Protein backbone atom coordinates (compact mmCIF):
# COMPACT_ATOMS: atom_id res chain seq x y z
CA MET A 1 18.04 9.07 29.57
CA SER A 2 15.99 9.51 32.59
CA ARG A 3 13.88 6.88 33.93
CA ILE A 4 10.31 7.23 32.69
CA GLU A 5 7.03 5.62 33.45
CA ASN A 6 6.29 2.67 31.38
CA ILE A 7 3.08 3.50 29.02
CA ALA A 8 1.16 0.55 27.51
CA LEU A 9 1.73 1.19 23.92
CA ALA A 10 1.23 -2.33 22.71
CA PRO A 11 -2.06 -1.63 21.24
CA VAL A 12 -0.51 1.12 18.96
CA HIS A 13 2.24 -1.22 17.80
CA GLN A 14 -0.28 -4.13 17.16
CA ALA A 15 -2.57 -1.96 15.29
CA ALA A 16 0.17 -0.46 13.10
CA GLN A 17 1.30 -4.13 12.24
CA ARG A 18 -2.13 -5.10 11.29
CA LEU A 19 -2.38 -1.86 8.90
CA MET A 20 1.04 -2.47 7.37
CA ASP A 21 0.06 -6.23 6.85
CA ASN A 22 -3.10 -5.24 5.32
CA VAL A 23 -1.38 -2.77 2.82
CA ASP A 24 1.22 -5.54 2.16
CA ARG A 25 -1.72 -7.59 0.84
CA VAL A 26 -2.46 -5.15 -1.94
CA VAL A 27 0.58 -2.81 -2.50
CA VAL A 28 4.00 -4.55 -3.13
CA GLY A 29 7.00 -3.35 -1.29
CA LYS A 30 5.90 -0.07 0.22
CA ARG A 31 5.92 -1.18 3.88
CA ALA A 32 7.93 1.79 4.86
CA ALA A 33 5.31 4.13 3.14
CA ALA A 34 2.69 2.24 5.07
CA GLU A 35 4.50 2.81 8.30
CA LEU A 36 4.60 6.50 7.75
CA MET A 37 0.99 6.62 6.69
CA MET A 38 0.26 4.80 10.11
CA VAL A 39 2.37 7.81 11.78
CA ALA A 40 0.28 10.33 9.84
CA LEU A 41 -2.96 8.35 11.19
CA LEU A 42 -1.84 8.46 14.83
CA THR A 43 -1.01 12.21 14.71
CA GLU A 44 -4.06 13.21 12.51
CA GLY A 45 -1.68 14.65 10.10
CA HIS A 46 -2.37 15.02 6.40
CA VAL A 47 -0.19 13.20 3.83
CA LEU A 48 0.85 14.18 0.27
CA VAL A 49 2.07 11.43 -1.91
CA GLU A 50 4.03 12.63 -4.75
CA ASP A 51 5.43 10.54 -7.69
CA VAL A 52 5.12 9.86 -11.42
CA PRO A 53 2.08 8.25 -12.80
CA GLY A 54 1.28 4.50 -12.34
CA ILE A 55 3.42 4.22 -9.16
CA GLY A 56 0.59 3.31 -6.94
CA LYS A 57 -0.25 6.63 -5.15
CA THR A 58 -3.91 6.34 -5.43
CA LEU A 59 -3.90 2.66 -4.74
CA LEU A 60 -1.87 3.10 -1.55
CA ALA A 61 -4.17 5.72 -0.42
CA ARG A 62 -7.33 3.65 -1.18
CA THR A 63 -5.78 0.62 0.61
CA VAL A 64 -5.05 2.80 3.76
CA ALA A 65 -8.58 4.02 3.70
CA ARG A 66 -10.13 0.56 3.22
CA SER A 67 -7.98 -0.72 6.16
CA LEU A 68 -9.92 1.69 8.61
CA GLY A 69 -13.47 1.33 9.66
CA ALA A 70 -14.29 4.85 8.86
CA THR A 71 -16.09 7.09 6.03
CA PHE A 72 -14.03 7.66 3.07
CA LYS A 73 -14.61 10.02 0.13
CA ARG A 74 -12.48 10.54 -3.02
CA ILE A 75 -12.39 13.85 -4.70
CA GLN A 76 -11.00 13.96 -8.28
CA PHE A 77 -9.40 17.45 -8.49
CA THR A 78 -9.92 18.98 -12.01
CA PRO A 79 -9.50 22.59 -13.28
CA ASP A 80 -13.36 23.04 -13.34
CA LEU A 81 -13.89 21.87 -9.72
CA LEU A 82 -15.45 24.47 -7.48
CA PRO A 83 -14.86 25.10 -3.68
CA SER A 84 -18.58 24.32 -3.15
CA ASP A 85 -18.08 20.84 -4.77
CA VAL A 86 -15.71 19.99 -2.00
CA THR A 87 -17.13 21.81 1.00
CA GLY A 88 -20.91 21.58 0.25
CA ILE A 89 -23.65 24.07 -0.40
CA HIS A 90 -26.90 25.60 1.11
CA TYR A 91 -29.92 24.80 -1.06
CA PHE A 92 -33.52 25.67 -0.85
CA ASN A 93 -35.70 22.65 0.22
CA GLN A 94 -39.23 23.39 -1.27
CA GLN A 95 -40.87 20.88 0.90
CA THR A 96 -39.57 22.75 4.28
CA SER A 97 -39.49 26.19 2.72
CA ARG A 98 -36.04 26.57 4.34
CA PHE A 99 -32.36 26.56 3.31
CA GLU A 100 -30.51 23.38 4.24
CA PHE A 101 -27.05 22.38 4.29
CA ARG A 102 -25.92 19.69 1.91
CA ALA A 103 -22.53 18.44 2.96
CA GLY A 104 -19.68 18.02 0.34
CA PRO A 105 -17.35 15.12 0.06
CA ILE A 106 -15.01 16.96 2.68
CA MET A 107 -17.30 15.60 5.39
CA ALA A 108 -15.67 12.32 5.96
CA HIS A 109 -12.96 10.77 8.17
CA ILE A 110 -10.51 9.98 5.15
CA VAL A 111 -10.64 12.14 2.22
CA LEU A 112 -8.63 11.35 -0.93
CA ALA A 113 -7.71 14.42 -2.88
CA ASP A 114 -6.59 12.86 -6.13
CA GLU A 115 -4.38 14.91 -8.39
CA ILE A 116 -4.81 17.97 -6.08
CA ASN A 117 -2.67 20.13 -8.24
CA ARG A 118 -5.13 20.12 -11.09
CA ALA A 119 -7.59 22.17 -9.26
CA THR A 120 -7.36 26.05 -9.30
CA PRO A 121 -5.73 28.00 -6.47
CA ARG A 122 -9.33 29.02 -5.51
CA THR A 123 -10.49 25.48 -5.06
CA GLN A 124 -7.18 24.46 -3.41
CA SER A 125 -7.57 27.22 -0.82
CA CYS A 126 -10.90 25.64 0.37
CA LEU A 127 -9.11 22.98 1.99
CA LEU A 128 -6.85 25.28 4.28
CA GLU A 129 -9.45 25.65 6.92
CA ALA A 130 -10.42 21.93 6.78
CA MET A 131 -6.93 20.83 7.05
CA GLN A 132 -5.84 23.25 9.97
CA GLU A 133 -8.99 23.69 12.00
CA ARG A 134 -11.08 20.50 11.18
CA GLN A 135 -13.92 22.67 10.09
CA VAL A 136 -15.51 24.36 7.15
CA THR A 137 -17.27 27.58 6.66
CA VAL A 138 -19.96 27.82 4.10
CA ASP A 139 -22.23 31.00 3.71
CA GLY A 140 -21.09 32.20 7.16
CA ASP A 141 -21.99 28.96 8.88
CA THR A 142 -19.31 26.86 10.35
CA HIS A 143 -19.44 22.99 10.14
CA PRO A 144 -17.23 20.79 12.36
CA LEU A 145 -15.51 17.90 10.53
CA PRO A 146 -15.73 14.36 11.85
CA ARG A 147 -12.78 13.13 13.95
CA PRO A 148 -10.46 11.57 13.12
CA PHE A 149 -9.88 13.68 9.86
CA LEU A 150 -7.07 12.94 7.41
CA VAL A 151 -6.50 14.35 3.91
CA MET A 152 -4.33 12.12 1.65
CA ALA A 153 -3.44 13.99 -1.38
CA THR A 154 -1.66 12.84 -4.61
CA GLN A 155 0.09 14.87 -7.25
CA ASN A 156 2.36 14.20 -10.25
CA PRO A 157 5.59 16.25 -9.96
CA VAL A 158 6.44 15.70 -13.64
CA GLU A 159 3.52 16.78 -15.83
CA MET A 160 3.06 20.72 -15.54
CA GLU A 161 0.52 21.38 -18.30
CA GLY A 162 -2.82 22.05 -16.72
CA THR A 163 -1.50 21.90 -13.23
CA PHE A 164 -1.27 24.47 -10.41
CA PRO A 165 1.64 24.20 -8.12
CA LEU A 166 0.52 23.90 -4.58
CA PRO A 167 1.08 27.28 -2.58
CA GLU A 168 3.54 27.21 0.43
CA ALA A 169 0.51 27.69 2.80
CA GLN A 170 -1.08 24.60 1.39
CA LEU A 171 2.17 22.51 1.51
CA ASP A 172 2.86 23.66 5.21
CA ARG A 173 -0.46 21.94 6.22
CA PHE A 174 0.74 18.48 5.13
CA LEU A 175 2.62 16.62 7.78
CA LEU A 176 4.41 14.24 5.42
CA ARG A 177 5.27 14.03 1.90
CA LEU A 178 5.99 10.61 0.64
CA THR A 179 7.45 9.34 -2.67
CA LEU A 180 7.12 5.74 -3.64
CA GLY A 181 9.59 5.21 -6.35
CA TYR A 182 9.68 2.36 -8.86
CA PRO A 183 9.50 -1.33 -7.84
CA THR A 184 12.36 -3.62 -8.09
CA GLU A 185 12.39 -6.35 -10.72
CA ALA A 186 11.23 -8.88 -8.32
CA GLU A 187 8.41 -6.50 -6.98
CA GLU A 188 7.28 -5.66 -10.54
CA GLY A 189 6.89 -9.60 -11.15
CA GLN A 190 5.08 -10.04 -8.01
CA ILE A 191 2.64 -7.08 -9.02
CA LEU A 192 1.78 -9.19 -12.08
CA THR A 193 1.03 -12.22 -10.26
CA ARG A 194 -0.94 -10.48 -7.48
CA PHE A 195 -3.24 -8.55 -10.03
CA GLU A 196 -3.46 -11.38 -12.59
CA HIS A 197 -7.08 -12.50 -11.75
CA ASP A 198 -8.51 -9.63 -9.80
CA ASN A 199 -7.90 -6.52 -7.69
CA PRO A 200 -6.98 -7.60 -4.08
CA LEU A 201 -8.25 -4.35 -2.84
CA GLU A 202 -11.87 -5.45 -3.44
CA HIS A 203 -11.69 -8.16 -0.77
CA LEU A 204 -9.69 -6.01 1.83
CA LYS A 205 -11.40 -5.85 5.27
CA PRO A 206 -10.98 -2.83 7.74
CA VAL A 207 -8.54 -3.69 10.69
CA ILE A 208 -8.74 -0.34 12.72
CA GLU A 209 -12.05 1.36 13.77
CA ALA A 210 -12.49 5.01 13.85
CA GLN A 211 -13.10 5.07 17.70
CA GLU A 212 -9.97 2.93 18.17
CA LEU A 213 -7.94 5.20 16.19
CA LEU A 214 -9.02 8.20 18.37
CA ARG A 215 -7.85 6.08 21.41
CA LEU A 216 -4.54 5.27 19.92
CA GLN A 217 -3.96 8.81 19.00
CA GLY A 218 -4.36 9.64 22.84
CA LEU A 219 -1.87 7.11 23.63
CA CYS A 220 0.73 8.48 21.15
CA ARG A 221 0.65 11.93 22.92
CA GLN A 222 2.02 10.23 26.05
CA VAL A 223 5.21 8.99 24.25
CA HIS A 224 8.04 10.67 26.39
CA VAL A 225 10.35 13.12 24.56
CA GLU A 226 13.52 13.83 26.80
CA GLU A 227 14.58 17.36 27.06
CA SER A 228 17.70 16.96 24.87
CA VAL A 229 15.89 15.28 22.18
CA ARG A 230 13.13 18.01 22.27
CA GLN A 231 15.90 20.60 22.12
CA TYR A 232 17.44 18.65 19.13
CA ILE A 233 14.05 18.81 17.28
CA VAL A 234 13.93 22.42 17.72
CA ASN A 235 17.56 23.02 16.63
CA VAL A 236 16.87 21.12 13.38
CA ALA A 237 13.82 23.19 12.43
CA ARG A 238 15.69 26.27 13.37
CA ALA A 239 18.67 25.41 11.24
CA THR A 240 16.59 25.28 8.20
CA ARG A 241 16.05 29.02 8.51
CA GLU A 242 19.70 29.86 8.66
CA HIS A 243 21.09 27.69 6.10
CA PRO A 244 22.65 29.75 3.05
CA SER A 245 20.61 27.59 0.38
CA ILE A 246 17.25 28.02 1.77
CA GLU A 247 15.07 31.04 1.24
CA LEU A 248 12.18 30.05 3.46
CA GLY A 249 12.75 27.74 6.34
CA ALA A 250 10.52 25.45 8.42
CA SER A 251 7.65 27.10 10.25
CA PRO A 252 6.78 26.45 13.93
CA ARG A 253 3.98 24.33 12.72
CA ALA A 254 6.58 22.26 11.03
CA THR A 255 8.39 21.99 14.31
CA LEU A 256 5.30 20.84 16.06
CA GLY A 257 4.84 18.28 13.07
CA LEU A 258 8.20 16.80 13.53
CA TYR A 259 7.73 16.48 17.20
CA ALA A 260 4.35 14.76 16.82
CA ALA A 261 5.71 12.57 14.00
CA CYS A 262 8.50 11.41 16.20
CA GLN A 263 6.11 10.37 18.91
CA GLY A 264 4.05 8.48 16.44
CA LEU A 265 6.90 6.68 14.94
CA ALA A 266 8.14 5.67 18.42
CA ALA A 267 4.82 4.33 19.07
CA VAL A 268 4.54 2.42 15.87
CA ARG A 269 7.81 0.70 16.82
CA GLY A 270 6.87 -0.21 20.29
CA ARG A 271 8.72 2.36 22.04
CA ASN A 272 7.45 4.85 24.67
CA PHE A 273 10.22 7.23 24.25
CA VAL A 274 11.77 9.25 21.06
CA LEU A 275 15.14 8.70 19.99
CA PRO A 276 17.17 11.34 18.02
CA ASP A 277 17.29 8.97 15.11
CA ASP A 278 13.59 9.26 14.76
CA ALA A 279 13.88 12.88 14.16
CA LYS A 280 16.87 12.41 11.58
CA GLU A 281 14.68 9.72 9.93
CA LEU A 282 11.56 11.88 9.63
CA ALA A 283 13.25 15.21 8.91
CA ALA A 284 13.15 14.77 5.05
CA PRO A 285 9.54 13.52 4.98
CA VAL A 286 8.37 16.38 7.34
CA LEU A 287 10.46 19.34 6.40
CA ALA A 288 11.65 19.10 2.80
CA HIS A 289 8.28 20.05 1.11
CA ARG A 290 7.94 23.04 3.38
CA LEU A 291 11.30 24.62 2.37
CA VAL A 292 11.91 27.08 -0.31
CA VAL A 293 15.29 26.47 -1.82
CA LYS A 294 17.03 29.55 -3.33
CA SER A 295 17.22 29.49 -7.14
CA GLU A 296 20.91 29.43 -7.25
CA ALA A 297 21.11 26.26 -5.13
CA ARG A 298 18.53 24.71 -7.23
CA LEU A 299 20.63 25.37 -10.30
CA ARG A 300 23.58 23.53 -8.58
CA GLY A 301 21.29 20.42 -8.06
CA GLY A 302 20.37 21.16 -4.45
CA SER A 303 17.04 19.46 -3.84
CA PRO A 304 14.98 20.21 -0.57
CA GLU A 305 15.88 16.67 0.54
CA ALA A 306 19.62 17.12 -0.03
CA VAL A 307 19.31 20.46 1.94
CA VAL A 308 17.51 18.95 4.84
CA ALA A 309 20.34 16.18 4.86
CA GLN A 310 22.95 18.83 5.11
CA VAL A 311 21.03 20.58 7.92
CA VAL A 312 20.68 17.21 9.95
CA ALA A 313 24.26 16.53 9.46
CA SER A 314 25.17 20.06 10.77
CA VAL A 315 23.24 19.83 14.00
CA PRO A 316 24.89 18.09 17.07
CA VAL A 317 23.04 14.98 18.08
CA PRO A 318 22.47 14.58 21.78
CA VAL A 319 24.00 11.70 23.50
CA GLU A 320 23.19 9.87 26.55
CA PRO A 321 25.29 10.91 29.51
């Protein structure tokens, strides 16, 4: 690769280590998930945590939020939740004889959308503008959201009764989708020991302030991406649109997301340049949830993650001359 100017990314790496160490104090054995959470924070991308109940989805999201010196709101999504319950309302103030805006819980740096697929499509759609444009429009008035702004959503992929699957437009606005998986036998024993007397989350202190995070985000955008690696990212995204098992491939928004996530992962690991391996590692978390696999492929057991693995294997990897 060509010689590049050294960029002082040590603050990013150090902040990432502090956040992951903080998560380790509460959540057992999920350091890799914490690393991807840090990548999302650095790229101001939203995260969907999808797994069966009791795995620790909400705990992970709350731990990351508690580790940041930023405003945090949790929204419990239910079938009767209205869009105004999320965005806010205009109400008539009798003291001032004027209509005033009362902000909803979306007006925070970190928003936890717990069990997001339990809300109706109408309520889910109120997040589209917020997640993409960092603003909400209520009764014709546009209100900017605080920066940084991140939505961390959780959902249960198994239970279908009383749920509303997220539409493709909603899924495409999530930078990453994470699955946590069951802990090992040793990790499960450690969980019992850690939570035996109290919840360690209650004693957790912030390790990154909101303004510091904004500065770190600016540093990440300076991470160098060599032209051949840039083209490799484009080729991987475009290959999803031509794969015979995929009905709907990755959008240009997904390509942008993969590019930014690669920069974030490189910075978290202390590098000022992106490797092809970064794109290969992030392809499934960034792309799989955005793809629509054909029904015949699903019947043959072809999951989106498996199809992404096939796509990555089919695209030639650039090599250093």
